[in-house]
Amino acid sequence: FDAEEAIKSIKEPMTKFGDVWMLGEHMLLCGDSTKTESLDCLLGGDVVDMVFTDPPYNVAYEGGTKEALTIQNDNMSDAEFDIFLDDVFALVNKALKPGGAFYICHSDSCGGQFRRAIRDNDLLIKQCLIWVKNTFVMGRQDYQWKHEP
């Protein structure tokens, strides 16, 4: 199976805003993580043991293809990004069981904003997990990192 070829053959996305995908015991929502309505659609008032999220990093990413695709909410002012993170993390806090685990991918260049929003929304920073990359990955830095936080 060639995932790249399969993606190229898709003319229009099948997933629509509001869709919930069941992945075994896990759920994936195509929604807005800043809106209570999305959380309610996904959980129906229940709470979860763990949240894993990979929000926009606010680095104005542009894809390296001819389409030069971008990521929604990835080019905000610092003030707008702070509000965005507060909205997301407030809902994370609402969704988690007491003592639940919270994992977030982020860019180190905005690490201070992420950590402030985590603390301000009564979430706990316990440790930083590192993704060690075994191959070179092109990036926007002067020094090309071999890991991501």
Protein backbone atom coordinates (compact mmCIF):
# COMPACT_ATOMS: atom_id res chain seq x y z
CA PHE A 1 0.00 0.00 0.00
CA ASP A 2 1.39 3.38 -1.04
CA ALA A 3 -0.13 6.07 1.21
CA GLU A 4 1.24 8.94 -0.90
CA GLU A 5 -0.42 7.58 -4.05
CA ALA A 6 -3.68 6.99 -2.19
CA ILE A 7 -3.69 10.59 -0.97
CA LYS A 8 -3.09 11.90 -4.50
CA SER A 9 -6.14 10.00 -5.74
CA ILE A 10 -8.50 11.77 -3.32
CA LYS A 11 -10.39 14.51 -5.16
CA GLU A 12 -12.51 15.65 -2.22
CA PRO A 13 -12.05 14.78 1.45
CA MET A 14 -14.42 12.18 2.82
CA THR A 15 -14.22 13.50 6.39
CA LYS A 16 -16.38 16.49 7.24
CA PHE A 17 -16.45 18.84 10.22
CA GLY A 18 -18.25 17.09 13.08
CA ASP A 19 -17.34 13.53 12.03
CA VAL A 20 -16.22 11.20 14.82
CA TRP A 21 -14.06 8.22 13.85
CA MET A 22 -13.93 5.17 16.10
CA LEU A 23 -10.42 3.68 16.21
CA GLY A 24 -10.84 0.62 18.37
CA GLU A 25 -11.49 2.01 21.85
CA HIS A 26 -10.29 5.46 20.77
CA MET A 27 -12.14 8.33 19.13
CA LEU A 28 -10.96 11.00 16.71
CA LEU A 29 -13.05 14.12 16.07
CA CYS A 30 -12.85 16.39 13.05
CA GLY A 31 -13.81 19.49 15.01
CA ASP A 32 -12.74 22.68 16.75
CA SER A 33 -10.76 22.03 19.92
CA THR A 34 -11.57 25.53 21.20
CA LYS A 35 -15.34 24.92 21.27
CA THR A 36 -17.32 23.24 24.04
CA GLU A 37 -19.73 21.92 21.40
CA SER A 38 -16.94 19.85 19.83
CA LEU A 39 -15.98 18.39 23.19
CA ASP A 40 -19.61 17.55 23.95
CA CYS A 41 -20.02 15.93 20.51
CA LEU A 42 -17.01 13.74 21.18
CA LEU A 43 -17.51 12.85 24.84
CA GLY A 44 -21.16 13.56 25.63
CA GLY A 45 -20.20 14.74 29.13
CA ASP A 46 -17.87 11.81 29.88
CA VAL A 47 -14.26 12.33 30.92
CA VAL A 48 -11.18 10.54 29.61
CA ASP A 49 -7.98 9.01 30.98
CA MET A 50 -5.69 10.69 28.46
CA VAL A 51 -5.56 13.51 25.91
CA PHE A 52 -2.91 13.60 23.17
CA THR A 53 -2.91 16.70 21.01
CA ASP A 54 -0.73 18.18 18.29
CA PRO A 55 -2.09 21.71 17.80
CA PRO A 56 -0.75 24.28 15.35
CA TYR A 57 2.68 25.50 16.46
CA ASN A 58 2.08 29.09 15.30
CA VAL A 59 5.09 28.99 12.99
CA ALA A 60 3.33 29.89 9.70
CA TYR A 61 4.16 26.50 8.17
CA GLU A 62 3.89 26.21 4.40
CA GLY A 63 4.10 22.81 2.75
CA GLY A 64 6.87 22.01 0.32
CA THR A 65 4.55 20.84 -2.46
CA LYS A 66 3.28 22.77 -5.47
CA GLU A 67 0.03 23.41 -3.53
CA ALA A 68 2.05 25.09 -0.71
CA LEU A 69 -0.57 23.98 1.80
CA THR A 70 -0.84 25.78 5.13
CA ILE A 71 -2.23 24.87 8.55
CA GLN A 72 -5.26 26.68 9.96
CA ASN A 73 -4.47 28.81 13.06
CA ASP A 74 -0.72 28.59 12.45
CA ASN A 75 0.07 32.28 11.93
CA MET A 76 -1.45 34.27 14.80
CA SER A 77 -0.17 37.19 16.82
CA ASP A 78 1.23 36.24 20.23
CA ALA A 79 -1.93 37.57 21.92
CA GLU A 80 -4.22 35.59 19.58
CA PHE A 81 -2.15 32.44 20.08
CA ASP A 82 -2.32 32.84 23.88
CA ILE A 83 -6.13 33.02 23.69
CA PHE A 84 -6.20 29.99 21.36
CA LEU A 85 -4.06 27.92 23.75
CA ASP A 86 -6.13 29.00 26.77
CA ASP A 87 -9.34 27.96 25.00
CA VAL A 88 -7.91 24.56 24.05
CA PHE A 89 -6.33 23.79 27.43
CA ALA A 90 -9.46 24.85 29.35
CA LEU A 91 -11.34 22.15 27.42
CA VAL A 92 -8.53 19.63 27.95
CA ASN A 93 -8.85 20.25 31.69
CA LYS A 94 -12.63 19.76 31.47
CA ALA A 95 -12.22 16.52 29.48
CA LEU A 96 -9.64 14.82 31.72
CA LYS A 97 -10.40 12.61 34.69
CA PRO A 98 -8.61 13.73 37.88
CA GLY A 99 -5.03 12.55 37.49
CA GLY A 100 -5.49 11.96 33.75
CA ALA A 101 -2.50 12.20 31.43
CA PHE A 102 -2.05 15.09 28.99
CA TYR A 103 0.46 14.91 26.13
CA ILE A 104 1.07 17.78 23.74
CA CYS A 105 3.40 18.22 20.78
CA HIS A 106 4.76 21.73 20.37
CA SER A 107 7.46 23.82 18.80
CA ASP A 108 10.22 24.85 21.18
CA SER A 109 10.09 28.36 19.70
CA CYS A 110 6.65 28.78 21.33
CA GLY A 111 7.40 26.59 24.36
CA GLY A 112 6.97 29.47 26.81
CA GLN A 113 3.47 30.18 25.56
CA PHE A 114 2.50 26.51 25.78
CA ARG A 115 3.87 26.17 29.32
CA ARG A 116 2.13 29.36 30.49
CA ALA A 117 -1.21 28.19 29.09
CA ILE A 118 -0.78 24.75 30.66
CA ARG A 119 -0.10 26.25 34.10
CA ASP A 120 -2.83 28.91 33.80
CA ASN A 121 -5.40 26.21 33.01
CA ASP A 122 -4.49 24.12 36.07
CA LEU A 123 -2.78 21.37 34.10
CA LEU A 124 0.46 19.87 35.37
CA ILE A 125 3.82 19.76 33.60
CA LYS A 126 5.60 16.63 34.80
CA GLN A 127 8.20 15.94 32.13
CA CYS A 128 9.16 16.49 28.53
CA LEU A 129 9.14 13.50 26.19
CA ILE A 130 11.59 13.77 23.32
CA TRP A 131 11.12 12.37 19.81
CA VAL A 132 14.62 11.44 18.64
CA LYS A 133 14.85 11.57 14.85
CA ASN A 134 17.26 9.11 13.31
CA THR A 135 17.37 10.86 9.94
CA PHE A 136 17.95 14.44 8.86
CA VAL A 137 14.81 16.55 8.65
CA MET A 138 14.88 19.93 6.92
CA GLY A 139 13.64 22.77 9.10
CA ARG A 140 13.59 26.53 9.51
CA GLN A 141 16.36 26.68 12.11
CA ASP A 142 19.98 27.72 11.77
CA TYR A 143 20.88 24.44 13.45
CA GLN A 144 18.89 21.40 12.28
CA TRP A 145 17.66 19.59 15.36
CA LYS A 146 17.75 15.83 15.72
CA HIS A 147 14.79 15.82 18.09
CA GLU A 148 11.43 17.43 18.81
CA PRO A 149 9.88 18.06 22.23
